[in-house]
Amino acid sequence: NTISVENTEGTEIYNLTITDEEITINESAASDKKTREKLR
């Protein structure tokens, strides 16, 4: 029930948890504002 979004160096920058009710986007310290907005 999860998806990992990684940069090309293999560092996880987002983790998505998917249930029937909601999709939760969790960001790591390596995330950035542009990617967060585009992913949302």
All heavy atoms as atom14 arrays in JSON, in Angstrom:
{
  "sequence": "NTISVENTEGTEIYNLTITDEEITINESAASDKKTREKLR",
  "atom14_mask": [
    [1, 1, 1, 1, 1, 1, 1, 1, 0, 0, 0, 0, 0, 0],
    [1, 1, 1, 1, 1, 1, 1, 0, 0, 0, 0, 0, 0, 0],
    [1, 1, 1, 1, 1, 1, 1, 1, 0, 0, 0, 0, 0, 0],
    [1, 1, 1, 1, 1, 1, 0, 0, 0, 0, 0, 0, 0, 0],
    [1, 1, 1, 1, 1, 1, 1, 0, 0, 0, 0, 0, 0, 0],
    [1, 1, 1, 1, 1, 1, 1, 1, 1, 0, 0, 0, 0, 0],
    [1, 1, 1, 1, 1, 1, 1, 1, 0, 0, 0, 0, 0, 0],
    [1, 1, 1, 1, 1, 1, 1, 0, 0, 0, 0, 0, 0, 0],
    [1, 1, 1, 1, 1, 1, 1, 1, 1, 0, 0, 0, 0, 0],
    [1, 1, 1, 1, 0, 0, 0, 0, 0, 0, 0, 0, 0, 0],
    [1, 1, 1, 1, 1, 1, 1, 0, 0, 0, 0, 0, 0, 0],
    [1, 1, 1, 1, 1, 1, 1, 1, 1, 0, 0, 0, 0, 0],
    [1, 1, 1, 1, 1, 1, 1, 1, 0, 0, 0, 0, 0, 0],
    [1, 1, 1, 1, 1, 1, 1, 1, 1, 1, 1, 1, 0, 0],
    [1, 1, 1, 1, 1, 1, 1, 1, 0, 0, 0, 0, 0, 0],
    [1, 1, 1, 1, 1, 1, 1, 1, 0, 0, 0, 0, 0, 0],
    [1, 1, 1, 1, 1, 1, 1, 0, 0, 0, 0, 0, 0, 0],
    [1, 1, 1, 1, 1, 1, 1, 1, 0, 0, 0, 0, 0, 0],
    [1, 1, 1, 1, 1, 1, 1, 0, 0, 0, 0, 0, 0, 0],
    [1, 1, 1, 1, 1, 1, 1, 1, 0, 0, 0, 0, 0, 0],
    [1, 1, 1, 1, 1, 1, 1, 1, 1, 0, 0, 0, 0, 0],
    [1, 1, 1, 1, 1, 1, 1, 1, 1, 0, 0, 0, 0, 0],
    [1, 1, 1, 1, 1, 1, 1, 1, 0, 0, 0, 0, 0, 0],
    [1, 1, 1, 1, 1, 1, 1, 0, 0, 0, 0, 0, 0, 0],
    [1, 1, 1, 1, 1, 1, 1, 1, 0, 0, 0, 0, 0, 0],
    [1, 1, 1, 1, 1, 1, 1, 1, 0, 0, 0, 0, 0, 0],
    [1, 1, 1, 1, 1, 1, 1, 1, 1, 0, 0, 0, 0, 0],
    [1, 1, 1, 1, 1, 1, 0, 0, 0, 0, 0, 0, 0, 0],
    [1, 1, 1, 1, 1, 0, 0, 0, 0, 0, 0, 0, 0, 0],
    [1, 1, 1, 1, 1, 0, 0, 0, 0, 0, 0, 0, 0, 0],
    [1, 1, 1, 1, 1, 1, 0, 0, 0, 0, 0, 0, 0, 0],
    [1, 1, 1, 1, 1, 1, 1, 1, 0, 0, 0, 0, 0, 0],
    [1, 1, 1, 1, 1, 1, 1, 1, 1, 0, 0, 0, 0, 0],
    [1, 1, 1, 1, 1, 1, 1, 1, 1, 0, 0, 0, 0, 0],
    [1, 1, 1, 1, 1, 1, 1, 0, 0, 0, 0, 0, 0, 0],
    [1, 1, 1, 1, 1, 1, 1, 1, 1, 1, 1, 0, 0, 0],
    [1, 1, 1, 1, 1, 1, 1, 1, 1, 0, 0, 0, 0, 0],
    [1, 1, 1, 1, 1, 1, 1, 1, 1, 0, 0, 0, 0, 0],
    [1, 1, 1, 1, 1, 1, 1, 1, 0, 0, 0, 0, 0, 0],
    [1, 1, 1, 1, 1, 1, 1, 1, 1, 1, 1, 0, 0, 0]
  ],
  "atom14_positions": [
    [[0.82, -1.21, 0.0], [0.0, 0.0, 0.0], [0.86, 1.26, 0.0], [0.4, 2.31, 0.43], [-0.93, 0.03, 1.22], [-2.02, -1.01, 1.11], [-2.56, -1.24, 0.05], [-2.31, -1.67, 2.21], [0.0, 0.0, 0.0], [0.0, 0.0, 0.0], [0.0, 0.0, 0.0], [0.0, 0.0, 0.0], [0.0, 0.0, 0.0], [0.0, 0.0, 0.0]],
    [[2.09, 1.15, -0.45], [2.98, 2.29, -0.43], [3.72, 2.44, -1.77], [3.94, 1.48, -2.48], [4.04, 2.18, 0.68], [4.84, 1.02, 0.45], [3.41, 2.12, 2.05], [0.0, 0.0, 0.0], [0.0, 0.0, 0.0], [0.0, 0.0, 0.0], [0.0, 0.0, 0.0], [0.0, 0.0, 0.0], [0.0, 0.0, 0.0], [0.0, 0.0, 0.0]],
    [[4.07, 3.68, -2.05], [4.88, 4.0, -3.22], [6.01, 4.9, -2.74], [5.8, 5.84, -1.99], [4.06, 4.73, -4.3], [2.91, 3.87, -4.79], [4.96, 5.15, -5.46], [1.92, 4.6, -5.67], [0.0, 0.0, 0.0], [0.0, 0.0, 0.0], [0.0, 0.0, 0.0], [0.0, 0.0, 0.0], [0.0, 0.0, 0.0], [0.0, 0.0, 0.0]],
    [[7.19, 4.61, -3.2], [8.37, 5.41, -2.89], [8.76, 6.19, -4.14], [8.81, 5.63, -5.23], [9.5, 4.45, -2.47], [10.74, 5.02, -2.64], [0.0, 0.0, 0.0], [0.0, 0.0, 0.0], [0.0, 0.0, 0.0], [0.0, 0.0, 0.0], [0.0, 0.0, 0.0], [0.0, 0.0, 0.0], [0.0, 0.0, 0.0], [0.0, 0.0, 0.0]],
    [[8.99, 7.49, -3.97], [9.5, 8.33, -5.06], [10.92, 8.7, -4.66], [11.15, 9.27, -3.59], [8.64, 9.6, -5.25], [9.2, 10.45, -6.37], [7.18, 9.24, -5.53], [0.0, 0.0, 0.0], [0.0, 0.0, 0.0], [0.0, 0.0, 0.0], [0.0, 0.0, 0.0], [0.0, 0.0, 0.0], [0.0, 0.0, 0.0], [0.0, 0.0, 0.0]],
    [[11.87, 8.35, -5.53], [13.28, 8.57, -5.24], [13.91, 9.47, -6.3], [13.46, 9.49, -7.44], [14.03, 7.24, -5.25], [13.47, 6.23, -4.27], [14.05, 4.84, -4.46], [14.72, 4.59, -5.5], [13.84, 4.0, -3.58], [0.0, 0.0, 0.0], [0.0, 0.0, 0.0], [0.0, 0.0, 0.0], [0.0, 0.0, 0.0], [0.0, 0.0, 0.0]],
    [[14.95, 10.2, -5.9], [15.7, 10.95, -6.9], [16.59, 9.97, -7.67], [16.64, 8.78, -7.34], [16.48, 12.1, -6.27], [17.5, 11.66, -5.26], [17.97, 10.52, -5.26], [17.87, 12.55, -4.36], [0.0, 0.0, 0.0], [0.0, 0.0, 0.0], [0.0, 0.0, 0.0], [0.0, 0.0, 0.0], [0.0, 0.0, 0.0], [0.0, 0.0, 0.0]],
    [[17.29, 10.44, -8.67], [18.08, 9.54, -9.51], [19.29, 8.95, -8.77], [19.88, 7.99, -9.25], [18.55, 10.25, -10.8], [19.22, 11.46, -10.44], [17.38, 10.56, -11.71], [0.0, 0.0, 0.0], [0.0, 0.0, 0.0], [0.0, 0.0, 0.0], [0.0, 0.0, 0.0], [0.0, 0.0, 0.0], [0.0, 0.0, 0.0], [0.0, 0.0, 0.0]],
    [[19.62, 9.5, -7.6], [20.69, 8.93, -6.79], [20.18, 7.81, -5.88], [20.95, 7.19, -5.16], [21.36, 10.01, -5.92], [22.19, 11.01, -6.7], [21.36, 12.12, -7.32], [20.44, 12.63, -6.66], [21.62, 12.46, -8.48], [0.0, 0.0, 0.0], [0.0, 0.0, 0.0], [0.0, 0.0, 0.0], [0.0, 0.0, 0.0], [0.0, 0.0, 0.0]],
    [[18.87, 7.57, -5.88], [18.28, 6.5, -5.08], [17.84, 6.92, -3.7], [17.47, 6.08, -2.88], [0.0, 0.0, 0.0], [0.0, 0.0, 0.0], [0.0, 0.0, 0.0], [0.0, 0.0, 0.0], [0.0, 0.0, 0.0], [0.0, 0.0, 0.0], [0.0, 0.0, 0.0], [0.0, 0.0, 0.0], [0.0, 0.0, 0.0], [0.0, 0.0, 0.0]],
    [[17.85, 8.23, -3.4], [17.4, 8.71, -2.1], [15.89, 8.92, -2.13], [15.38, 9.61, -3.01], [18.09, 10.06, -1.76], [19.5, 9.87, -1.77], [17.64, 10.58, -0.41], [0.0, 0.0, 0.0], [0.0, 0.0, 0.0], [0.0, 0.0, 0.0], [0.0, 0.0, 0.0], [0.0, 0.0, 0.0], [0.0, 0.0, 0.0], [0.0, 0.0, 0.0]],
    [[15.18, 8.3, -1.18], [13.73, 8.48, -1.12], [13.42, 9.92, -0.74], [13.91, 10.43, 0.26], [13.1, 7.53, -0.11], [11.59, 7.65, -0.07], [10.94, 6.71, 0.89], [10.93, 7.02, 2.1], [10.47, 5.66, 0.44], [0.0, 0.0, 0.0], [0.0, 0.0, 0.0], [0.0, 0.0, 0.0], [0.0, 0.0, 0.0], [0.0, 0.0, 0.0]],
    [[12.59, 10.57, -1.58], [12.19, 11.94, -1.26], [10.72, 12.03, -0.86], [10.34, 12.95, -0.15], [12.52, 12.92, -2.42], [11.98, 12.41, -3.74], [14.01, 13.16, -2.5], [12.2, 13.35, -4.92], [0.0, 0.0, 0.0], [0.0, 0.0, 0.0], [0.0, 0.0, 0.0], [0.0, 0.0, 0.0], [0.0, 0.0, 0.0], [0.0, 0.0, 0.0]],
    [[9.92, 11.06, -1.29], [8.51, 11.0, -0.9], [8.09, 9.55, -0.72], [8.6, 8.67, -1.4], [7.59, 11.65, -1.95], [7.79, 13.13, -2.0], [8.66, 13.7, -2.9], [7.15, 13.96, -1.09], [8.9, 15.06, -2.9], [7.37, 15.32, -1.09], [8.24, 15.87, -2.0], [8.49, 17.21, -2.0], [0.0, 0.0, 0.0], [0.0, 0.0, 0.0]],
    [[7.17, 9.35, 0.2], [6.55, 8.05, 0.42], [5.06, 8.28, 0.43], [4.57, 9.11, 1.19], [7.03, 7.45, 1.74], [6.47, 6.08, 1.96], [5.29, 5.95, 2.28], [7.29, 5.08, 1.79], [0.0, 0.0, 0.0], [0.0, 0.0, 0.0], [0.0, 0.0, 0.0], [0.0, 0.0, 0.0], [0.0, 0.0, 0.0], [0.0, 0.0, 0.0]],
    [[4.35, 7.57, -0.43], [2.89, 7.69, -0.49], [2.27, 6.45, 0.12], [2.69, 5.32, -0.19], [2.41, 7.81, -1.94], [2.7, 9.12, -2.66], [4.15, 9.22, -3.07], [1.8, 9.26, -3.86], [0.0, 0.0, 0.0], [0.0, 0.0, 0.0], [0.0, 0.0, 0.0], [0.0, 0.0, 0.0], [0.0, 0.0, 0.0], [0.0, 0.0, 0.0]],
    [[1.3, 6.64, 0.99], [0.55, 5.55, 1.58], [-0.87, 5.64, 1.03], [-1.5, 6.7, 1.12], [0.54, 5.64, 3.12], [1.89, 5.66, 3.58], [-0.2, 4.47, 3.73], [0.0, 0.0, 0.0], [0.0, 0.0, 0.0], [0.0, 0.0, 0.0], [0.0, 0.0, 0.0], [0.0, 0.0, 0.0], [0.0, 0.0, 0.0], [0.0, 0.0, 0.0]],
    [[-1.35, 4.54, 0.46], [-2.64, 4.55, -0.21], [-3.59, 3.59, 0.5], [-3.28, 2.42, 0.71], [-2.5, 4.12, -1.69], [-1.64, 5.12, -2.47], [-3.85, 4.03, -2.36], [-0.21, 4.78, -2.54], [0.0, 0.0, 0.0], [0.0, 0.0, 0.0], [0.0, 0.0, 0.0], [0.0, 0.0, 0.0], [0.0, 0.0, 0.0], [0.0, 0.0, 0.0]],
    [[-4.75, 4.12, 0.91], [-5.83, 3.3, 1.45], [-7.08, 3.62, 0.62], [-7.07, 4.52, -0.21], [-6.12, 3.6, 2.94], [-6.65, 4.93, 3.05], [-4.87, 3.46, 3.79], [0.0, 0.0, 0.0], [0.0, 0.0, 0.0], [0.0, 0.0, 0.0], [0.0, 0.0, 0.0], [0.0, 0.0, 0.0], [0.0, 0.0, 0.0], [0.0, 0.0, 0.0]],
    [[-8.16, 2.89, 0.86], [-9.41, 3.18, 0.15], [-9.95, 4.56, 0.5], [-10.68, 5.16, -0.27], [-10.48, 2.14, 0.47], [-10.24, 0.82, -0.23], [-9.44, 0.79, -1.2], [-10.84, -0.19, 0.18], [0.0, 0.0, 0.0], [0.0, 0.0, 0.0], [0.0, 0.0, 0.0], [0.0, 0.0, 0.0], [0.0, 0.0, 0.0], [0.0, 0.0, 0.0]],
    [[-9.58, 5.08, 1.67], [-10.1, 6.37, 2.13], [-9.23, 7.56, 1.76], [-9.73, 8.63, 1.48], [-10.29, 6.36, 3.66], [-11.37, 5.42, 4.16], [-10.89, 3.97, 4.21], [-9.7, 3.74, 4.47], [-11.72, 3.08, 3.98], [0.0, 0.0, 0.0], [0.0, 0.0, 0.0], [0.0, 0.0, 0.0], [0.0, 0.0, 0.0], [0.0, 0.0, 0.0]],
    [[-7.9, 7.38, 1.81], [-7.03, 8.53, 1.59], [-5.68, 8.14, 1.0], [-5.25, 6.99, 1.07], [-6.83, 9.32, 2.88], [-6.17, 8.54, 3.99], [-6.19, 9.27, 5.32], [-7.11, 10.08, 5.56], [-5.28, 9.01, 6.13], [0.0, 0.0, 0.0], [0.0, 0.0, 0.0], [0.0, 0.0, 0.0], [0.0, 0.0, 0.0], [0.0, 0.0, 0.0]],
    [[-5.03, 9.16, 0.45], [-3.65, 9.04, -0.03], [-2.83, 10.04, 0.78], [-3.14, 11.22, 0.79], [-3.56, 9.34, -1.53], [-4.38, 8.3, -2.32], [-2.09, 9.34, -1.99], [-4.49, 8.59, -3.8], [0.0, 0.0, 0.0], [0.0, 0.0, 0.0], [0.0, 0.0, 0.0], [0.0, 0.0, 0.0], [0.0, 0.0, 0.0], [0.0, 0.0, 0.0]],
    [[-1.83, 9.53, 1.46], [-0.98, 10.37, 2.29], [0.38, 10.49, 1.64], [1.0, 9.48, 1.3], [-0.83, 9.76, 3.7], [-2.14, 9.55, 4.25], [-0.05, 10.69, 4.62], [0.0, 0.0, 0.0], [0.0, 0.0, 0.0], [0.0, 0.0, 0.0], [0.0, 0.0, 0.0], [0.0, 0.0, 0.0], [0.0, 0.0, 0.0], [0.0, 0.0, 0.0]],
    [[0.82, 11.73, 1.46], [2.14, 12.0, 0.89], [3.04, 12.49, 2.01], [2.79, 13.53, 2.61], [2.06, 13.07, -0.23], [1.09, 12.63, -1.33], [3.45, 13.36, -0.78], [0.77, 13.71, -2.35], [0.0, 0.0, 0.0], [0.0, 0.0, 0.0], [0.0, 0.0, 0.0], [0.0, 0.0, 0.0], [0.0, 0.0, 0.0], [0.0, 0.0, 0.0]],
    [[4.06, 11.69, 2.33], [5.03, 12.04, 3.37], [6.33, 12.42, 2.69], [6.79, 11.71, 1.8], [5.28, 10.86, 4.31], [4.05, 10.49, 5.09], [3.57, 11.28, 5.88], [3.51, 9.31, 4.84], [0.0, 0.0, 0.0], [0.0, 0.0, 0.0], [0.0, 0.0, 0.0], [0.0, 0.0, 0.0], [0.0, 0.0, 0.0], [0.0, 0.0, 0.0]],
    [[6.94, 13.52, 3.12], [8.19, 13.92, 2.5], [9.36, 13.69, 3.44], [9.21, 13.68, 4.66], [8.13, 15.36, 2.03], [7.88, 16.39, 3.1], [7.76, 17.77, 2.49], [6.64, 18.13, 2.08], [8.77, 18.48, 2.44], [0.0, 0.0, 0.0], [0.0, 0.0, 0.0], [0.0, 0.0, 0.0], [0.0, 0.0, 0.0], [0.0, 0.0, 0.0]],
    [[10.53, 13.51, 2.85], [11.75, 13.33, 3.63], [12.52, 14.64, 3.66], [12.12, 15.63, 3.04], [12.62, 12.24, 2.99], [13.21, 12.73, 1.8], [0.0, 0.0, 0.0], [0.0, 0.0, 0.0], [0.0, 0.0, 0.0], [0.0, 0.0, 0.0], [0.0, 0.0, 0.0], [0.0, 0.0, 0.0], [0.0, 0.0, 0.0], [0.0, 0.0, 0.0]],
    [[13.65, 14.63, 4.32], [14.48, 15.83, 4.4], [15.03, 16.23, 3.03], [15.36, 17.38, 2.81], [15.63, 15.58, 5.37], [0.0, 0.0, 0.0], [0.0, 0.0, 0.0], [0.0, 0.0, 0.0], [0.0, 0.0, 0.0], [0.0, 0.0, 0.0], [0.0, 0.0, 0.0], [0.0, 0.0, 0.0], [0.0, 0.0, 0.0], [0.0, 0.0, 0.0]],
    [[15.08, 15.29, 2.09], [15.63, 15.57, 0.76], [14.58, 16.14, -0.2], [14.88, 16.41, -1.36], [16.23, 14.3, 0.17], [0.0, 0.0, 0.0], [0.0, 0.0, 0.0], [0.0, 0.0, 0.0], [0.0, 0.0, 0.0], [0.0, 0.0, 0.0], [0.0, 0.0, 0.0], [0.0, 0.0, 0.0], [0.0, 0.0, 0.0], [0.0, 0.0, 0.0]],
    [[13.36, 16.36, 0.26], [12.29, 16.85, -0.61], [12.43, 18.34, -0.88], [13.21, 19.02, -0.23], [10.93, 16.56, 0.02], [10.8, 17.29, 1.21], [0.0, 0.0, 0.0], [0.0, 0.0, 0.0], [0.0, 0.0, 0.0], [0.0, 0.0, 0.0], [0.0, 0.0, 0.0], [0.0, 0.0, 0.0], [0.0, 0.0, 0.0], [0.0, 0.0, 0.0]],
    [[11.66, 18.82, -1.86], [11.67, 20.25, -2.15], [10.26, 20.72, -2.49], [9.38, 19.93, -2.8], [12.64, 20.58, -3.3], [12.22, 19.94, -4.59], [11.34, 20.49, -5.26], [12.78, 18.88, -4.94], [0.0, 0.0, 0.0], [0.0, 0.0, 0.0], [0.0, 0.0, 0.0], [0.0, 0.0, 0.0], [0.0, 0.0, 0.0], [0.0, 0.0, 0.0]],
    [[10.05, 22.03, -2.41], [8.72, 22.61, -2.57], [8.13, 22.36, -3.97], [6.97, 22.0, -4.1], [8.77, 24.12, -2.3], [7.42, 24.79, -2.36], [7.51, 26.26, -2.01], [6.14, 26.9, -2.1], [6.17, 28.31, -1.76], [0.0, 0.0, 0.0], [0.0, 0.0, 0.0], [0.0, 0.0, 0.0], [0.0, 0.0, 0.0], [0.0, 0.0, 0.0]],
    [[8.93, 22.52, -5.03], [8.43, 22.32, -6.39], [7.94, 20.89, -6.59], [6.84, 20.67, -7.1], [9.5, 22.64, -7.43], [9.01, 22.38, -8.86], [10.08, 22.59, -9.9], [9.54, 22.21, -11.28], [10.54, 22.27, -12.32], [0.0, 0.0, 0.0], [0.0, 0.0, 0.0], [0.0, 0.0, 0.0], [0.0, 0.0, 0.0], [0.0, 0.0, 0.0]],
    [[8.74, 19.93, -6.17], [8.36, 18.53, -6.33], [7.12, 18.21, -5.52], [6.22, 17.52, -5.98], [9.52, 17.6, -5.95], [10.67, 17.97, -6.7], [9.18, 16.15, -6.23], [0.0, 0.0, 0.0], [0.0, 0.0, 0.0], [0.0, 0.0, 0.0], [0.0, 0.0, 0.0], [0.0, 0.0, 0.0], [0.0, 0.0, 0.0], [0.0, 0.0, 0.0]],
    [[7.05, 18.73, -4.29], [5.87, 18.49, -3.43], [4.61, 19.0, -4.12], [3.6, 18.31, -4.19], [6.05, 19.18, -2.08], [4.83, 19.02, -1.17], [5.02, 19.67, 0.19], [5.21, 21.1, 0.09], [6.29, 21.76, 0.53], [7.28, 21.12, 1.1], [6.38, 23.07, 0.41], [0.0, 0.0, 0.0], [0.0, 0.0, 0.0], [0.0, 0.0, 0.0]],
    [[4.65, 20.22, -4.65], [3.47, 20.79, -5.31], [3.09, 20.02, -6.57], [1.93, 19.75, -6.84], [3.7, 22.26, -5.63], [3.43, 23.16, -4.46], [2.04, 22.96, -3.87], [1.04, 23.13, -4.6], [1.94, 22.6, -2.69], [0.0, 0.0, 0.0], [0.0, 0.0, 0.0], [0.0, 0.0, 0.0], [0.0, 0.0, 0.0], [0.0, 0.0, 0.0]],
    [[4.09, 19.65, -7.37], [3.82, 18.9, -8.6], [3.25, 17.51, -8.28], [2.34, 17.04, -8.96], [5.09, 18.76, -9.45], [5.52, 20.04, -10.12], [4.58, 20.38, -11.25], [5.13, 21.48, -12.12], [4.31, 21.73, -13.3], [0.0, 0.0, 0.0], [0.0, 0.0, 0.0], [0.0, 0.0, 0.0], [0.0, 0.0, 0.0], [0.0, 0.0, 0.0]],
    [[3.78, 16.87, -7.25], [3.29, 15.55, -6.86], [1.85, 15.66, -6.36], [0.99, 14.85, -6.74], [4.19, 14.94, -5.79], [3.87, 13.52, -5.34], [3.88, 12.55, -6.52], [4.87, 13.07, -4.28], [0.0, 0.0, 0.0], [0.0, 0.0, 0.0], [0.0, 0.0, 0.0], [0.0, 0.0, 0.0], [0.0, 0.0, 0.0], [0.0, 0.0, 0.0]],
    [[1.56, 16.67, -5.55], [0.19, 16.89, -5.07], [-0.75, 17.13, -6.25], [-1.82, 16.53, -6.34], [0.13, 18.08, -4.1], [-1.27, 18.33, -3.53], [-1.35, 19.63, -2.75], [-0.97, 20.79, -3.53], [-1.75, 21.36, -4.47], [-2.93, 20.86, -4.75], [-1.32, 22.44, -5.12], [0.0, 0.0, 0.0], [0.0, 0.0, 0.0], [0.0, 0.0, 0.0]]
  ]
}
